[in-house]
Structures are given as C-alpha cells and as structure tokens.
Amino acid sequence: MAAAAGSKAGAEGAPVVAVVMGSASDLTVMQGAADVLAEFGLPHEVRVVSAHRTPDDMLAFGHGAAGTGLKVIIAGAGGAAHLPGMLAAVTPLPVIGVPVALSQLDGLDSLLSIVQMPRGVPVATVAVNGARNAGLLAVRILAVNDVKLTAAMVEFQAGLADTTRAQNADVAMSRRGDEGIEGNRGA
C-alpha cells in the first residue's frame, strides 16, 4: 500500500519540505518546524508515517520523496526513534532528525537513537524537542540556491540580534536600578 498523502500546509505550490512524525502525539513538538516553514513562505507537507506501525508506508514515502519535488525531510520520533534513520537510509534527500521527549528518559533515548547513525547514513540532528531549529536548518539548506530565501534568513538573524540587544539593554537598565537601591541602603 502506498503512503497516504500528508496534509498540505504553508505557501502555495508543491511541497519542498516534509515534516513527518511517527505518531500524531508528536505534532505538538513538530508544529514548531511547520510554523517556521510557514513563516518563511515555504510550501510543506505534514504527515504521520511510523517506522514500526506502518513500515511499508514509511518506506514508500522515503523511496518516492525525491521524485515528488521534496528537497528536505524533517523527521521527528520518540523512544526508539527509528524514523529519521530509516528515511535517511532510503532517500537521497537530507534528513533532519528531531528527538521527541516522551514521559521516560526526557528524550535522551530518542536523541541517542537518532544521532548514532552508522557511517554512510547521515541524519542531521537537533536538540530534543528542537523542531523549530529543524525548520530553520531546512530553510538554510534550501537557501543555498535561493537568493530571496538567503535574504530572508539574514533578516531573521538580524531580528534575533536586535531582540538580544534589547534584552541586554533591559537587563543593564534593571541592574542600574538595583545598584542604585542597594547603594542607598548603605547610606
């Protein structure tokens, strides 16, 4: 049986990124990747394919992904977390793994499963529950051949810098106020 079509989201056009997960319960984490892709206007799809419960569907998706116009796969999984590695084994596309924390082990099991891939089967791995960074990494991968996307990433990074500088100014201002109060106490 072929893999069922995932939900289409984001910008118009054929999806260039797939956000996949082993279970619908992972969506609360994986939504971070989909949100980033939408913010950058990248057409993407979101789907559930399980390496353990629907292995034939997962393999069909992985084998066919490059032929559908996809450029990057973001795969999130918890526990044994085989989905990212299994997809990386059957597709030539870059795969970004997102370890999803479950109620036990705080995602360490997922992280180790995804990051410890055998030689020749790379999976770029982000932090536990780091789907937002997975989305940003997908944007950067696609920006290599897209001047507009590169400019959008540069603008995003400038916004991060502005936010950090504003936080620094706020902290410095609050510290000056605290020092003034403490200085008056000693008088």
Protein backbone atom coordinates (compact mmCIF):
# COMPACT_ATOMS: atom_id res chain seq x y z
CA MET A 1 0.00 0.00 0.00
CA ALA A 2 1.37 3.42 -0.92
CA ALA A 3 1.88 6.09 1.71
CA ALA A 4 -1.16 8.21 2.30
CA ALA A 5 -0.86 11.83 1.29
CA GLY A 6 0.02 14.18 4.11
CA SER A 7 -1.72 17.43 4.81
CA LYS A 8 -0.51 20.34 2.74
CA ALA A 9 0.38 23.50 4.59
CA GLY A 10 2.26 26.75 4.15
CA ALA A 11 2.83 28.61 0.91
CA GLU A 12 1.24 27.68 -2.40
CA GLY A 13 2.94 25.21 -4.70
CA ALA A 14 4.33 21.73 -4.43
CA PRO A 15 5.82 21.00 -1.01
CA VAL A 16 9.61 21.28 -0.81
CA VAL A 17 9.86 20.11 2.81
CA ALA A 18 8.11 17.22 4.51
CA VAL A 19 7.56 17.31 8.25
CA VAL A 20 6.96 13.72 9.28
CA MET A 21 6.46 12.06 12.64
CA GLY A 22 5.92 8.59 13.96
CA SER A 23 2.71 9.44 15.81
CA ALA A 24 0.12 12.21 15.89
CA SER A 25 1.10 12.78 19.51
CA ASP A 26 4.41 14.18 18.19
CA LEU A 27 2.60 17.04 16.43
CA THR A 28 2.78 19.32 19.47
CA VAL A 29 6.58 19.26 19.08
CA MET A 30 6.77 19.04 15.30
CA GLN A 31 4.43 22.00 14.82
CA GLY A 32 7.46 24.20 15.55
CA ALA A 33 9.07 23.11 12.27
CA ALA A 34 5.87 23.64 10.30
CA ASP A 35 5.47 27.09 11.84
CA VAL A 36 8.98 28.14 10.76
CA LEU A 37 8.43 26.86 7.23
CA ALA A 38 5.19 28.85 7.02
CA GLU A 39 6.93 31.97 8.37
CA PHE A 40 9.46 31.72 5.54
CA GLY A 41 6.74 31.00 2.97
CA LEU A 42 7.97 27.52 2.14
CA PRO A 43 5.40 25.03 0.86
CA HIS A 44 5.48 21.92 3.01
CA GLU A 45 3.52 18.89 3.99
CA VAL A 46 2.89 17.31 7.37
CA ARG A 47 2.26 13.59 7.77
CA VAL A 48 2.43 10.62 10.12
CA VAL A 49 4.45 7.63 8.97
CA SER A 50 5.68 5.13 11.52
CA ALA A 51 8.82 3.06 11.10
CA HIS A 52 7.23 0.43 13.32
CA ARG A 53 3.46 0.57 12.77
CA THR A 54 3.39 1.42 9.02
CA PRO A 55 6.83 0.38 7.75
CA ASP A 56 5.64 -0.21 4.18
CA ASP A 57 4.09 3.28 4.04
CA MET A 58 7.25 4.79 5.55
CA LEU A 59 9.46 3.04 3.01
CA ALA A 60 7.21 4.04 0.10
CA PHE A 61 7.30 7.65 1.27
CA GLY A 62 11.08 7.60 1.70
CA HIS A 63 11.76 5.95 -1.65
CA GLY A 64 9.45 8.33 -3.50
CA ALA A 65 10.17 11.59 -1.67
CA ALA A 66 12.80 12.97 -4.05
CA GLY A 67 10.61 12.25 -7.06
CA THR A 68 7.78 14.39 -5.67
CA GLY A 69 9.83 17.58 -5.59
CA LEU A 70 10.66 17.44 -1.89
CA LYS A 71 14.12 18.80 -1.06
CA VAL A 72 14.38 18.20 2.71
CA ILE A 73 12.73 15.85 5.20
CA ILE A 74 12.30 16.77 8.86
CA ALA A 75 11.54 13.61 10.84
CA GLY A 76 10.54 13.58 14.49
CA ALA A 77 10.33 10.49 16.64
CA GLY A 78 10.35 9.47 20.27
CA GLY A 79 11.51 6.38 22.09
CA ALA A 80 13.39 4.04 19.75
CA ALA A 81 13.19 6.88 17.20
CA HIS A 82 13.97 4.86 14.08
CA LEU A 83 12.01 7.05 11.66
CA PRO A 84 14.74 9.62 10.79
CA GLY A 85 17.41 6.97 10.23
CA MET A 86 15.17 4.66 8.24
CA LEU A 87 14.17 7.54 5.97
CA ALA A 88 17.81 8.58 5.57
CA ALA A 89 18.60 5.01 4.53
CA VAL A 90 16.15 5.06 1.62
CA THR A 91 16.24 8.65 0.31
CA PRO A 92 18.99 10.79 -1.21
CA LEU A 93 17.44 13.88 0.43
CA PRO A 94 18.86 15.49 3.56
CA VAL A 95 17.04 14.28 6.67
CA ILE A 96 16.89 16.36 9.84
CA GLY A 97 16.04 14.34 12.93
CA VAL A 98 14.08 15.75 15.85
CA PRO A 99 14.28 13.66 19.02
CA VAL A 100 10.88 13.87 20.73
CA ALA A 101 10.83 13.59 24.51
CA LEU A 102 8.46 11.02 25.94
CA SER A 103 7.44 10.57 29.56
CA GLN A 104 10.52 8.45 30.28
CA LEU A 105 14.17 9.42 29.87
CA ASP A 106 13.34 13.01 28.80
CA GLY A 107 14.17 12.28 25.16
CA LEU A 108 17.71 11.06 25.77
CA ASP A 109 16.80 7.67 24.26
CA SER A 110 15.44 9.40 21.15
CA LEU A 111 18.47 11.67 20.87
CA LEU A 112 20.94 8.82 21.08
CA SER A 113 18.96 6.71 18.62
CA ILE A 114 18.90 9.47 16.02
CA VAL A 115 22.40 10.85 16.44
CA GLN A 116 24.20 7.47 16.48
CA MET A 117 23.74 6.63 12.81
CA PRO A 118 26.12 4.25 11.04
CA ARG A 119 28.70 5.57 8.63
CA GLY A 120 27.14 6.43 5.28
CA VAL A 121 23.64 7.17 6.62
CA PRO A 122 23.78 10.74 7.96
CA VAL A 123 20.95 12.37 9.86
CA ALA A 124 21.39 15.99 10.93
CA THR A 125 20.10 16.02 14.50
CA VAL A 126 18.79 18.95 16.51
CA ALA A 127 18.09 19.20 20.24
CA VAL A 128 15.39 17.20 22.00
CA ASN A 129 12.06 18.79 21.02
CA GLY A 130 14.04 21.18 18.77
CA ALA A 131 11.64 21.16 15.83
CA ARG A 132 11.84 24.94 15.40
CA ASN A 133 15.59 24.68 14.83
CA ALA A 134 14.98 21.79 12.44
CA GLY A 135 12.75 24.10 10.42
CA LEU A 136 15.41 26.80 10.44
CA LEU A 137 18.04 24.30 9.31
CA ALA A 138 15.77 23.25 6.44
CA VAL A 139 15.45 26.92 5.46
CA ARG A 140 19.23 27.30 5.47
CA ILE A 141 19.68 24.17 3.34
CA LEU A 142 17.20 25.48 0.79
CA ALA A 143 18.69 28.99 0.91
CA VAL A 144 21.94 27.71 -0.60
CA ASN A 145 20.31 28.01 -4.04
CA ASP A 146 17.78 30.76 -3.34
CA VAL A 147 18.86 34.39 -3.03
CA LYS A 148 15.48 35.53 -1.68
CA LEU A 149 15.45 32.82 0.97
CA THR A 150 19.02 33.73 1.92
CA ALA A 151 17.96 37.36 2.32
CA ALA A 152 15.00 36.27 4.47
CA MET A 153 17.35 34.24 6.69
CA VAL A 154 19.72 37.20 7.03
CA GLU A 155 16.74 39.36 8.03
CA PHE A 156 15.63 36.71 10.54
CA GLN A 157 19.11 36.60 12.07
CA ALA A 158 19.19 40.40 12.30
CA GLY A 159 15.88 40.23 14.17
CA LEU A 160 17.39 37.75 16.62
CA ALA A 161 20.32 40.09 17.16
CA ASP A 162 18.01 43.07 17.71
CA THR A 163 15.98 41.10 20.25
CA THR A 164 19.13 40.08 22.12
CA ARG A 165 20.46 43.64 22.16
CA ALA A 166 17.13 44.90 23.50
CA GLN A 167 17.24 42.24 26.23
CA ASN A 168 20.78 43.31 27.09
CA ALA A 169 19.66 46.93 27.39
CA ASP A 170 16.72 45.90 29.60
CA VAL A 171 18.96 43.85 31.89
CA ALA A 172 21.55 46.64 32.10
CA MET A 173 18.81 49.15 32.93
CA SER A 174 17.30 46.94 35.64
CA ARG A 175 20.75 46.29 37.12
CA ARG A 176 21.45 50.03 37.32
CA GLY A 177 18.18 50.45 39.18
CA ASP A 178 19.06 47.62 41.58
CA GLU A 179 22.54 49.02 42.23
CA GLY A 180 21.05 52.42 42.97
CA ILE A 181 18.69 50.92 45.53
CA GLU A 182 21.46 48.85 47.14
CA GLY A 183 23.75 51.86 47.18
CA ASN A 184 21.12 53.86 49.09
CA ARG A 185 20.73 51.11 51.69
CA GLY A 186 24.28 51.54 52.87
CA ALA A 187 23.87 55.29 53.47
